[in-house]
Amino acid sequence: MMDTLRKVIVQEPHQFLLLSRTKKELLVDKMVQRMGMYPGVLTEEEFRSLGIMAPFVGDEVFVKLDRSFFIDNLDFLQGLCYRTSKMDIVARILQEPAVFGPVNNWNQTTLSQVDRFVFFLPNDKLQEISLALMTVGRIEKLFMSQRRWERGDVGIHCSDENERERVFEKQQFVLQFFLGFLKINLDSPTPMVPTCEILHTTAPSAWASNSLTSMSTSAFSNCLELMGQDPFLAPYQRSQVLNKVKEIYGPASSFSQSVISQLGRIALELSLVELSSLRLTERRSIAALGAVSGWSNRQLSAMFTVVLNSINQSPSQLDSSTLVAMGYMVCGAKSTEMNSFNAVEFSKAVLWLGQLRLTCSEDQMLALVELLAHSLAFGHMSSWGTDVFIEIGVLAAGLPDMAMSALVKEQIEGIIPAAIPLIPSDKFAVVFHHVTIHMFTYEQAAAVTKEQLSAMSDVQKTALAMVLTPWEARPVDFRGRSLGLALSHSPLCIVLGLLMLLVLPCTDLICLGT
């Protein structure tokens, strides 16, 4: 049965990539055990037999990867997914004498072979690469290779936020170290000025802020939107870029709709006075700012008012397309203003708004949920099914205490993990009984915050732990007959169930090896 599963995943890896990391590792661990791959070298045949799953074997197995296979198949290996610990192992393997040896001995050919694996090296080893080798052209190629992988079928589902940030920091270090930013002479601070094309192949945030602001007016203007969309642009970089924008286009009050629509996250550095002076008359400028997260409550309030004044409408007149464009700005409305939203129009907009990590207060979330309970929207909360909860997304966190404590399994299944952290800790501990918590999926349980955990009782914590680490022995068991038990007694059900791995709890993945 495990071999059948292996073949299915190798041929159609997409569903495997959508699993949580813990489910991936549990499943591959069981598969490796059944295939007897723990002792000895991890051979090419064994590695290829696992396909996309290969890098999810235990570290103690991965480190035994056959080095000849590693050297001869770098192109193939670079297309796979690696978590932090595997990145470190790959970095060590690259430097072994039998592979490529010490970094300071690497040449152009080596760099071409190592390619994006360069970003797995620690900073102290990166500095040992010959300065003559790391030209602007070479750095561009490395950035482009990493970006192609990130946007590919594997990369888009691979790294979590922390790992993406780690790789970006390596990229930033490589660019700034080898182009001389980290060694600049303060008596002659002449920065290297990038072209707009280079920013597209690298990333604006990888460059020093004075390099960005030293670009020509035309080049800067052409790349303004790219800078605004860069998630790694630091606040101090955004601030300096915004000053350059003001030099070119004048004060915020004179910004055109086109300029506003290009600002993106750079707009986070606008003061309350500047935000209040904006004119947001077009859908594109509203949507550009509404798609940005990270606003303060006062900024959101100022922008919500600006939108109403710019389009000359009251809260009750806002249609679904405007509400969608407003995005995060919706949390700038007062609870009383939300109460006057058109319930039908808001219910049309909720499919988009529910996917955002809204920063609304508890009162605001409650007001929005009550709109959805209108008879012309989704109706009474008790009638909501899994599909409604999926559609309303994070707004499920705004359910009243009584409604949330009465949720049944089908409704809980529809709560997206992003909604869990938005539930206030004291409310979470009151409304979710330990039996309810045990109905959580792994992804929902993993989204529970430290604050929520600290407010929970011991039996609630045990229920949560049984979802997160079901392989550990527990003093209590209130699960009843599990799907895992049923599956373990039916080979046919195992095969059918394996094709629906996305919905299996970790408990059942463990049963697959029995």
Protein backbone atom coordinates (compact mmCIF):
# COMPACT_ATOMS: atom_id res chain seq x y z
CA MET A 1 0.00 0.00 0.00
CA MET A 2 2.84 2.37 0.83
CA ASP A 3 4.46 1.61 -2.50
CA THR A 4 1.19 2.41 -4.26
CA LEU A 5 1.06 5.72 -2.43
CA ARG A 6 4.68 6.45 -3.35
CA LYS A 7 3.97 5.93 -7.04
CA VAL A 8 0.87 8.10 -6.91
CA ILE A 9 2.77 11.01 -5.31
CA VAL A 10 5.77 10.71 -7.62
CA GLN A 11 3.49 10.86 -10.65
CA GLU A 12 1.16 13.58 -9.27
CA PRO A 13 3.12 15.54 -6.61
CA HIS A 14 0.84 18.60 -6.41
CA GLN A 15 -1.38 17.33 -3.57
CA PHE A 16 1.66 16.28 -1.55
CA LEU A 17 3.10 19.79 -1.83
CA LEU A 18 -0.13 21.22 -0.41
CA LEU A 19 0.16 19.16 2.79
CA SER A 20 1.43 20.79 5.97
CA ARG A 21 5.11 20.29 6.65
CA THR A 22 4.41 17.98 9.59
CA LYS A 23 2.15 15.76 7.47
CA LYS A 24 4.81 15.60 4.76
CA GLU A 25 7.49 14.57 7.22
CA LEU A 26 5.31 12.00 9.02
CA LEU A 27 4.26 10.42 5.75
CA VAL A 28 7.77 10.27 4.30
CA ASP A 29 9.16 8.95 7.59
CA LYS A 30 6.69 6.05 7.46
CA MET A 31 7.46 5.43 3.81
CA VAL A 32 11.22 5.38 4.42
CA GLN A 33 10.76 2.93 7.29
CA ARG A 34 8.70 0.58 5.13
CA MET A 35 11.26 0.79 2.33
CA GLY A 36 14.12 0.06 4.74
CA MET A 37 16.12 3.15 3.77
CA TYR A 38 17.52 4.03 7.19
CA PRO A 39 20.74 1.96 7.18
CA GLY A 40 23.65 2.87 4.94
CA VAL A 41 24.02 5.35 2.11
CA LEU A 42 20.96 7.02 0.59
CA THR A 43 21.42 5.77 -2.97
CA GLU A 44 20.40 7.38 -6.23
CA GLU A 45 17.78 4.69 -6.79
CA GLU A 46 16.22 5.30 -3.36
CA PHE A 47 16.34 9.07 -3.72
CA ARG A 48 14.76 9.08 -7.19
CA SER A 49 12.15 6.57 -6.08
CA LEU A 50 10.84 9.20 -3.64
CA GLY A 51 10.75 12.00 -6.22
CA ILE A 52 9.48 15.26 -4.71
CA MET A 53 9.39 13.61 -1.27
CA ALA A 54 13.11 12.89 -1.09
CA PRO A 55 14.22 16.07 0.77
CA PHE A 56 11.60 15.33 3.48
CA VAL A 57 13.42 12.27 4.79
CA GLY A 58 15.00 12.67 8.23
CA ASP A 59 18.20 14.67 8.45
CA GLU A 60 20.05 11.54 9.55
CA VAL A 61 19.01 9.88 6.28
CA PHE A 62 19.51 12.87 4.00
CA VAL A 63 23.08 13.48 5.20
CA LYS A 64 24.00 10.02 3.86
CA LEU A 65 23.06 10.97 0.30
CA ASP A 66 25.44 9.42 -2.23
CA ARG A 67 27.95 12.15 -3.07
CA SER A 68 28.53 11.04 -6.67
CA PHE A 69 24.81 11.29 -7.30
CA PHE A 70 24.78 14.71 -5.59
CA ILE A 71 27.54 16.11 -7.84
CA ASP A 72 26.18 14.67 -11.08
CA ASN A 73 22.55 15.71 -10.51
CA LEU A 74 22.69 19.23 -9.11
CA ASP A 75 20.18 20.52 -11.66
CA PHE A 76 17.65 17.96 -10.48
CA LEU A 77 18.38 18.57 -6.78
CA GLN A 78 18.05 22.35 -7.15
CA GLY A 79 14.45 21.91 -8.28
CA LEU A 80 13.39 20.33 -4.98
CA CYS A 81 12.16 21.76 -1.67
CA TYR A 82 14.44 22.14 1.35
CA ARG A 83 13.65 23.28 4.88
CA THR A 84 16.22 25.11 7.01
CA SER A 85 18.00 22.04 8.41
CA LYS A 86 18.33 20.54 4.90
CA MET A 87 19.73 23.84 3.58
CA ASP A 88 22.47 23.59 6.21
CA ILE A 89 23.24 19.99 5.24
CA VAL A 90 23.42 20.90 1.54
CA ALA A 91 25.79 23.76 2.41
CA ARG A 92 28.10 21.39 4.29
CA ILE A 93 28.04 18.80 1.51
CA LEU A 94 29.00 21.43 -1.07
CA GLN A 95 32.16 22.22 0.90
CA GLU A 96 33.32 18.64 1.39
CA PRO A 97 36.69 17.83 -0.27
CA ALA A 98 35.10 15.08 -2.35
CA VAL A 99 32.46 17.49 -3.68
CA PHE A 100 33.57 21.08 -4.40
CA GLY A 101 35.93 21.67 -1.48
CA PRO A 102 36.53 24.94 0.42
CA VAL A 103 34.59 27.92 -0.89
CA ASN A 104 37.73 30.00 -1.42
CA ASN A 105 38.82 27.52 -4.11
CA TRP A 106 35.60 27.74 -6.12
CA ASN A 107 35.74 29.03 -9.71
CA GLN A 108 33.20 30.15 -12.33
CA THR A 109 32.40 26.58 -13.26
CA THR A 110 31.73 25.72 -9.62
CA LEU A 111 29.39 28.69 -9.19
CA SER A 112 27.52 27.71 -12.33
CA GLN A 113 27.02 24.21 -10.95
CA VAL A 114 26.14 25.28 -7.41
CA ASP A 115 23.73 27.92 -8.73
CA ARG A 116 20.95 28.85 -6.25
CA PHE A 117 22.47 26.57 -3.59
CA VAL A 118 24.89 29.49 -3.05
CA PHE A 119 22.15 31.07 -0.92
CA PHE A 120 22.28 28.07 1.44
CA LEU A 121 25.82 28.99 2.54
CA PRO A 122 26.35 30.88 5.82
CA ASN A 123 27.55 34.48 5.51
CA ASP A 124 31.09 33.75 6.67
CA LYS A 125 31.48 31.21 3.85
CA LEU A 126 29.89 33.50 1.27
CA GLN A 127 32.62 36.05 2.02
CA GLU A 128 35.26 33.50 1.02
CA ILE A 129 34.08 33.43 -2.60
CA SER A 130 36.53 35.33 -4.80
CA LEU A 131 35.42 38.92 -5.38
CA ALA A 132 36.46 38.63 -9.01
CA LEU A 133 33.91 35.86 -9.58
CA MET A 134 30.88 37.63 -8.15
CA THR A 135 30.25 40.21 -10.84
CA VAL A 136 26.94 42.03 -11.27
CA GLY A 137 26.12 39.62 -14.09
CA ARG A 138 26.82 36.56 -11.93
CA ILE A 139 24.73 37.96 -9.06
CA GLU A 140 21.86 38.66 -11.46
CA LYS A 141 21.97 35.07 -12.71
CA LEU A 142 21.86 33.72 -9.15
CA PHE A 143 18.89 35.94 -8.26
CA MET A 144 17.06 34.95 -11.44
CA SER A 145 17.65 31.26 -10.78
CA GLN A 146 16.25 31.53 -7.26
CA ARG A 147 13.23 33.51 -8.51
CA ARG A 148 12.47 30.98 -11.25
CA TRP A 149 12.42 28.24 -8.65
CA GLU A 150 10.25 30.28 -6.24
CA ARG A 151 7.68 30.86 -8.98
CA GLY A 152 7.76 27.27 -10.20
CA ASP A 153 5.39 24.44 -9.27
CA VAL A 154 7.58 23.34 -6.35
CA GLY A 155 8.88 26.64 -5.02
CA ILE A 156 5.48 28.31 -4.86
CA HIS A 157 4.32 25.70 -2.30
CA CYS A 158 7.64 25.10 -0.55
CA SER A 159 9.12 27.67 1.81
CA ASP A 160 7.40 29.23 4.79
CA GLU A 161 7.74 32.91 5.65
CA ASN A 162 10.81 32.42 7.86
CA GLU A 163 12.68 30.46 5.20
CA ARG A 164 11.82 32.99 2.49
CA GLU A 165 13.17 35.72 4.74
CA ARG A 166 16.34 33.72 5.43
CA VAL A 167 17.01 33.27 1.70
CA PHE A 168 16.30 36.96 1.05
CA GLU A 169 18.79 37.97 3.75
CA LYS A 170 21.40 35.81 2.03
CA GLN A 171 20.58 37.41 -1.30
CA GLN A 172 20.81 40.89 0.19
CA PHE A 173 24.14 40.04 1.81
CA VAL A 174 25.55 38.65 -1.45
CA LEU A 175 24.56 41.72 -3.45
CA GLN A 176 25.68 44.31 -0.90
CA PHE A 177 28.90 42.54 0.06
CA PHE A 178 30.17 41.81 -3.45
CA LEU A 179 29.08 45.16 -4.90
CA GLY A 180 30.89 46.97 -2.09
CA PHE A 181 28.01 48.45 -0.09
CA LEU A 182 29.25 46.93 3.15
CA LYS A 183 32.75 48.34 2.64
CA ILE A 184 31.91 51.79 1.37
CA ASN A 185 34.27 54.63 2.25
CA LEU A 186 32.32 57.12 4.33
CA ASP A 187 34.51 59.97 3.06
CA SER A 188 33.35 59.22 -0.47
CA PRO A 189 29.84 57.74 -0.23
CA THR A 190 29.20 57.26 -3.93
CA PRO A 191 26.71 54.40 -4.25
CA MET A 192 26.41 52.05 -7.17
CA VAL A 193 23.24 53.07 -8.97
CA PRO A 194 21.09 50.22 -10.35
CA THR A 195 19.11 50.38 -13.54
CA CYS A 196 15.42 49.55 -13.51
CA GLU A 197 16.22 46.33 -15.37
CA ILE A 198 18.65 45.18 -12.66
CA LEU A 199 16.04 45.85 -9.98
CA HIS A 200 13.69 43.54 -11.84
CA THR A 201 16.25 40.73 -11.92
CA THR A 202 17.39 41.20 -8.32
CA ALA A 203 15.06 43.04 -5.91
CA PRO A 204 14.83 46.69 -4.80
CA SER A 205 15.10 45.69 -1.12
CA ALA A 206 18.46 44.02 -1.74
CA TRP A 207 19.98 47.39 -2.61
CA ALA A 208 21.06 50.18 -0.28
CA SER A 209 18.39 52.88 -0.02
CA ASN A 210 20.76 55.61 -1.26
CA SER A 211 21.33 53.53 -4.41
CA LEU A 212 17.60 53.55 -5.06
CA THR A 213 17.23 57.27 -4.44
CA SER A 214 20.25 58.02 -6.68
CA MET A 215 18.52 56.56 -9.74
CA SER A 216 17.58 58.93 -12.51
CA THR A 217 14.07 60.37 -12.36
CA SER A 218 12.87 58.31 -15.33
CA ALA A 219 14.40 55.06 -14.06
CA PHE A 220 13.07 55.65 -10.55
CA SER A 221 9.58 56.42 -11.85
CA ASN A 222 9.57 53.35 -14.08
CA CYS A 223 10.45 51.15 -11.10
CA LEU A 224 8.30 52.83 -8.44
CA GLU A 225 5.59 50.17 -8.57
CA LEU A 226 8.21 47.41 -8.33
CA MET A 227 9.58 49.04 -5.17
CA GLY A 228 6.11 49.43 -3.73
CA GLN A 229 5.37 45.72 -4.22
CA ASP A 230 8.61 44.51 -2.61
CA PRO A 231 7.63 42.78 0.68
CA PHE A 232 11.16 42.98 2.07
CA LEU A 233 11.64 46.74 1.67
CA ALA A 234 12.50 47.90 5.20
CA PRO A 235 10.78 50.91 6.84
CA TYR A 236 13.90 53.08 6.56
CA GLN A 237 14.18 52.17 2.86
CA ARG A 238 10.49 52.95 2.29
CA SER A 239 10.90 56.29 4.06
CA GLN A 240 13.82 57.37 1.87
CA VAL A 241 12.08 56.18 -1.28
CA LEU A 242 8.98 58.16 -0.28
CA ASN A 243 11.11 61.30 0.09
CA LYS A 244 12.35 60.77 -3.46
CA VAL A 245 8.73 60.38 -4.63
CA LYS A 246 7.89 63.74 -3.04
CA GLU A 247 10.91 65.35 -4.73
CA ILE A 248 9.61 64.20 -8.11
CA TYR A 249 5.84 64.52 -7.71
CA GLY A 250 5.43 67.11 -4.95
CA PRO A 251 3.58 66.74 -1.63
CA ALA A 252 1.16 63.86 -1.00
CA SER A 253 -1.84 66.13 -1.58
CA SER A 254 -0.75 66.53 -5.22
CA PHE A 255 -0.15 62.82 -5.92
CA SER A 256 -2.06 61.67 -9.00
CA GLN A 257 -4.16 58.51 -8.98
CA SER A 258 -1.42 56.83 -11.02
CA VAL A 259 1.30 57.65 -8.50
CA ILE A 260 -0.86 56.52 -5.56
CA SER A 261 -1.61 53.23 -7.29
CA GLN A 262 2.13 52.56 -7.64
CA LEU A 263 3.13 53.34 -4.03
CA GLY A 264 2.11 50.01 -2.50
CA ARG A 265 3.88 49.45 0.84
CA ILE A 266 5.81 52.72 0.47
CA ALA A 267 2.55 54.44 1.46
CA LEU A 268 2.92 52.97 4.96
CA GLU A 269 5.37 55.78 5.67
CA LEU A 270 2.83 58.53 4.94
CA SER A 271 1.83 60.54 8.02
CA LEU A 272 -1.80 60.85 9.14
CA VAL A 273 -1.89 64.39 7.75
CA GLU A 274 -0.52 63.20 4.41
CA LEU A 275 -2.97 60.30 4.23
CA SER A 276 -5.84 62.64 4.97
CA SER A 277 -4.75 64.91 2.12
CA LEU A 278 -4.85 62.16 -0.51
CA ARG A 279 -7.54 62.04 -3.16
CA LEU A 280 -8.72 58.46 -3.72
CA THR A 281 -11.23 58.93 -6.50
CA GLU A 282 -10.40 55.93 -8.67
CA ARG A 283 -10.85 52.24 -7.95
CA ARG A 284 -7.22 51.48 -8.82
CA SER A 285 -5.80 53.89 -6.23
CA ILE A 286 -8.21 52.64 -3.55
CA ALA A 287 -7.36 49.01 -4.35
CA ALA A 288 -3.60 49.68 -4.34
CA LEU A 289 -3.70 50.98 -0.76
CA GLY A 290 -6.41 48.55 0.33
CA ALA A 291 -4.21 45.60 -0.60
CA VAL A 292 -1.43 46.76 1.75
CA SER A 293 -1.23 45.22 5.23
CA GLY A 294 0.61 46.73 8.20
CA TRP A 295 -1.36 49.96 8.65
CA SER A 296 -1.89 51.38 12.13
CA ASN A 297 -5.48 51.73 13.35
CA ARG A 298 -5.25 55.52 13.01
CA GLN A 299 -4.00 55.22 9.43
CA LEU A 300 -6.86 52.87 8.55
CA SER A 301 -9.39 55.24 10.07
CA ALA A 302 -7.95 58.18 8.14
CA MET A 303 -8.02 56.29 4.82
CA PHE A 304 -11.56 55.01 5.29
CA THR A 305 -12.71 58.60 5.78
CA VAL A 306 -10.67 59.76 2.78
CA VAL A 307 -12.33 57.16 0.53
CA LEU A 308 -15.83 58.19 1.62
CA ASN A 309 -15.02 61.86 1.05
CA SER A 310 -13.28 61.22 -2.28
CA ILE A 311 -16.13 59.21 -3.81
CA ASN A 312 -18.79 61.22 -1.97
CA GLN A 313 -20.62 58.23 -0.49
CA SER A 314 -21.84 57.18 2.95
CA PRO A 315 -21.00 53.76 4.45
CA SER A 316 -24.47 52.45 3.53
CA GLN A 317 -23.89 53.30 -0.14
CA LEU A 318 -20.69 51.28 -0.56
CA ASP A 319 -21.13 48.48 -3.10
CA SER A 320 -19.31 45.13 -3.14
CA SER A 321 -16.67 46.21 -5.67
CA THR A 322 -15.74 49.26 -3.58
CA LEU A 323 -15.60 47.16 -0.39
CA VAL A 324 -13.33 44.67 -2.15
CA ALA A 325 -11.07 47.51 -3.33
CA MET A 326 -10.93 48.94 0.21
CA GLY A 327 -9.52 45.66 1.54
CA TYR A 328 -7.73 46.28 4.82
CA MET A 329 -9.26 49.78 4.97
CA VAL A 330 -12.57 48.21 6.00
CA CYS A 331 -11.14 47.99 9.51
CA GLY A 332 -10.89 51.78 9.48
CA ALA A 333 -14.68 52.02 9.79
CA LYS A 334 -16.25 52.41 13.21
CA SER A 335 -18.53 49.62 14.42
CA THR A 336 -21.51 51.95 14.01
CA GLU A 337 -20.49 52.63 10.40
CA MET A 338 -20.13 48.90 9.74
CA ASN A 339 -23.65 48.35 11.05
CA SER A 340 -24.94 50.54 8.23
CA PHE A 341 -23.12 48.61 5.47
CA ASN A 342 -25.44 47.02 2.93
CA ALA A 343 -25.53 43.38 4.11
CA VAL A 344 -26.04 41.95 0.62
CA GLU A 345 -23.18 43.99 -0.88
CA PHE A 346 -20.90 43.06 2.01
CA SER A 347 -21.74 39.36 1.66
CA LYS A 348 -20.66 39.59 -2.00
CA ALA A 349 -17.34 41.15 -0.96
CA VAL A 350 -16.60 38.73 1.87
CA LEU A 351 -15.02 36.06 -0.37
CA TRP A 352 -12.11 38.49 -0.89
CA LEU A 353 -12.14 40.28 2.47
CA GLY A 354 -12.27 36.98 4.34
CA GLN A 355 -8.89 35.95 2.93
CA LEU A 356 -7.11 39.01 4.35
CA ARG A 357 -5.53 39.03 7.80
CA LEU A 358 -7.78 41.87 8.91
CA THR A 359 -6.78 43.88 11.98
CA CYS A 360 -10.33 44.77 13.03
CA SER A 361 -11.15 44.91 16.74
CA GLU A 362 -13.41 42.32 18.38
CA ASP A 363 -16.37 44.72 18.20
CA GLN A 364 -15.71 45.42 14.52
CA MET A 365 -15.46 41.70 13.68
CA LEU A 366 -18.74 41.08 15.49
CA ALA A 367 -20.41 43.88 13.52
CA LEU A 368 -19.22 42.39 10.23
CA VAL A 369 -20.35 38.88 11.14
CA GLU A 370 -23.80 40.16 12.08
CA LEU A 371 -24.07 41.62 8.58
CA LEU A 372 -23.44 38.16 7.17
CA ALA A 373 -26.21 36.71 9.34
CA HIS A 374 -28.77 38.94 7.62
CA SER A 375 -31.65 37.01 6.06
CA LEU A 376 -30.66 38.31 2.60
CA ALA A 377 -27.00 37.34 3.10
CA PHE A 378 -26.07 33.91 4.58
CA GLY A 379 -28.92 33.72 7.08
CA HIS A 380 -28.83 32.57 10.71
CA MET A 381 -25.40 31.40 11.89
CA SER A 382 -26.69 28.02 13.06
CA SER A 383 -27.51 27.18 9.43
CA TRP A 384 -24.05 27.93 8.08
CA GLY A 385 -22.29 24.95 6.59
CA THR A 386 -18.65 24.21 5.79
CA ASP A 387 -18.89 26.16 2.54
CA VAL A 388 -20.05 29.35 4.27
CA PHE A 389 -17.24 29.20 6.82
CA ILE A 390 -14.70 28.72 4.03
CA GLU A 391 -16.17 31.70 2.18
CA ILE A 392 -16.19 34.10 5.16
CA GLY A 393 -12.58 33.17 6.01
CA VAL A 394 -11.05 35.13 8.88
CA LEU A 395 -14.38 36.73 9.73
CA ALA A 396 -15.28 33.47 11.49
CA ALA A 397 -13.20 34.84 14.35
CA GLY A 398 -15.93 37.43 14.91
CA LEU A 399 -18.69 34.94 15.75
CA PRO A 400 -20.44 35.71 19.07
CA ASP A 401 -19.40 33.52 22.01
CA MET A 402 -22.65 31.53 22.05
CA ALA A 403 -22.50 30.82 18.33
CA MET A 404 -18.84 29.81 18.42
CA SER A 405 -19.31 27.48 21.39
CA ALA A 406 -22.17 25.73 19.55
CA LEU A 407 -20.21 24.96 16.37
CA VAL A 408 -20.48 21.41 15.07
CA LYS A 409 -17.81 19.39 13.28
CA GLU A 410 -18.92 20.36 9.77
CA GLN A 411 -18.69 24.04 10.66
CA ILE A 412 -15.32 23.72 12.38
CA GLU A 413 -13.96 22.00 9.29
CA GLY A 414 -14.69 25.18 7.33
CA ILE A 415 -12.76 27.55 9.62
CA ILE A 416 -9.58 28.56 7.81
CA PRO A 417 -6.38 28.42 9.91
CA ALA A 418 -5.82 32.18 9.46
CA ALA A 419 -8.98 32.85 11.51
CA ILE A 420 -7.69 31.02 14.60
CA PRO A 421 -5.06 33.59 15.73
CA LEU A 422 -7.63 36.39 15.43
CA ILE A 423 -9.82 34.94 18.19
CA PRO A 424 -9.07 36.74 21.50
CA SER A 425 -7.30 34.43 23.98
CA ASP A 426 -9.90 34.69 26.74
CA LYS A 427 -12.69 34.02 24.25
CA PHE A 428 -10.83 31.06 22.74
CA ALA A 429 -10.46 29.37 26.14
CA VAL A 430 -14.17 29.83 26.91
CA VAL A 431 -15.82 28.87 23.61
CA PHE A 432 -13.72 25.86 22.56
CA HIS A 433 -14.33 22.76 24.66
CA HIS A 434 -11.56 20.15 24.66
CA VAL A 435 -13.71 17.87 22.49
CA THR A 436 -14.10 20.70 20.00
CA ILE A 437 -10.36 21.37 19.97
CA HIS A 438 -9.73 17.73 19.19
CA MET A 439 -11.79 18.20 16.01
CA PHE A 440 -9.24 20.74 14.73
CA THR A 441 -7.10 19.89 11.75
CA TYR A 442 -3.36 20.02 12.20
CA GLU A 443 -3.26 23.36 10.36
CA GLN A 444 -5.88 24.86 12.66
CA ALA A 445 -4.10 23.56 15.77
CA ALA A 446 -0.75 24.86 14.55
CA ALA A 447 -2.28 28.33 14.17
CA VAL A 448 -3.10 28.56 17.89
CA THR A 449 -1.04 31.37 19.43
CA LYS A 450 1.07 31.27 22.60
CA GLU A 451 -1.38 33.69 24.21
CA GLN A 452 -4.32 31.41 23.42
CA LEU A 453 -2.39 28.40 24.71
CA SER A 454 -1.58 30.11 28.00
CA ALA A 455 -5.29 30.82 28.59
CA MET A 456 -6.31 27.17 28.04
CA SER A 457 -6.95 24.56 30.71
CA ASP A 458 -4.78 21.46 31.01
CA VAL A 459 -7.38 19.26 29.33
CA GLN A 460 -7.68 21.76 26.44
CA LYS A 461 -3.90 21.74 26.05
CA THR A 462 -3.94 17.94 26.01
CA ALA A 463 -6.58 17.96 23.28
CA LEU A 464 -4.46 20.39 21.25
CA ALA A 465 -1.33 18.30 21.76
CA MET A 466 -3.18 15.20 20.53
CA VAL A 467 -3.78 16.99 17.24
CA LEU A 468 -0.25 18.41 16.94
CA THR A 469 1.71 15.39 18.22
CA PRO A 470 -0.63 12.38 18.09
CA TRP A 471 2.28 9.93 18.15
CA GLU A 472 3.06 10.79 21.79
CA ALA A 473 1.36 8.84 24.56
CA ARG A 474 -1.38 10.74 26.41
CA PRO A 475 -2.97 9.98 29.79
CA VAL A 476 -6.48 10.55 28.37
CA ASP A 477 -8.20 9.62 25.13
CA PHE A 478 -11.55 11.12 24.17
CA ARG A 479 -11.26 10.48 20.48
CA GLY A 480 -13.47 7.43 20.17
CA ARG A 481 -13.01 5.26 17.08
CA SER A 482 -10.63 7.05 14.77
CA LEU A 483 -10.48 7.09 11.00
CA GLY A 484 -6.93 5.78 11.35
CA LEU A 485 -8.19 2.60 13.05
CA ALA A 486 -10.76 2.07 10.34
CA LEU A 487 -8.22 2.60 7.61
CA SER A 488 -5.68 0.25 9.15
CA HIS A 489 -8.18 -2.59 8.81
CA SER A 490 -9.09 -1.97 5.20
CA PRO A 491 -6.39 -2.04 2.48
CA LEU A 492 -8.83 -0.74 -0.10
CA CYS A 493 -9.79 2.18 2.15
CA ILE A 494 -6.12 2.92 2.67
CA VAL A 495 -5.55 3.37 -1.06
CA LEU A 496 -8.65 5.51 -1.46
CA GLY A 497 -7.82 7.54 1.62
CA LEU A 498 -4.27 8.17 0.49
CA LEU A 499 -5.61 10.04 -2.51
CA MET A 500 -7.26 12.50 -0.10
CA LEU A 501 -4.26 13.20 2.12
CA LEU A 502 -5.13 16.87 2.42
CA VAL A 503 -8.04 16.05 4.73
CA LEU A 504 -6.42 13.34 6.84
CA PRO A 505 -5.38 14.30 10.38
CA CYS A 506 -1.85 13.48 11.49
CA THR A 507 -3.24 10.60 13.58
CA ASP A 508 -4.22 8.76 10.40
CA LEU A 509 -0.91 9.40 8.67
CA ILE A 510 0.80 7.58 11.52
CA CYS A 511 -1.59 4.63 11.08
CA LEU A 512 -0.50 4.27 7.46
CA GLY A 513 2.72 2.59 8.52
CA THR A 514 1.01 -0.07 10.58
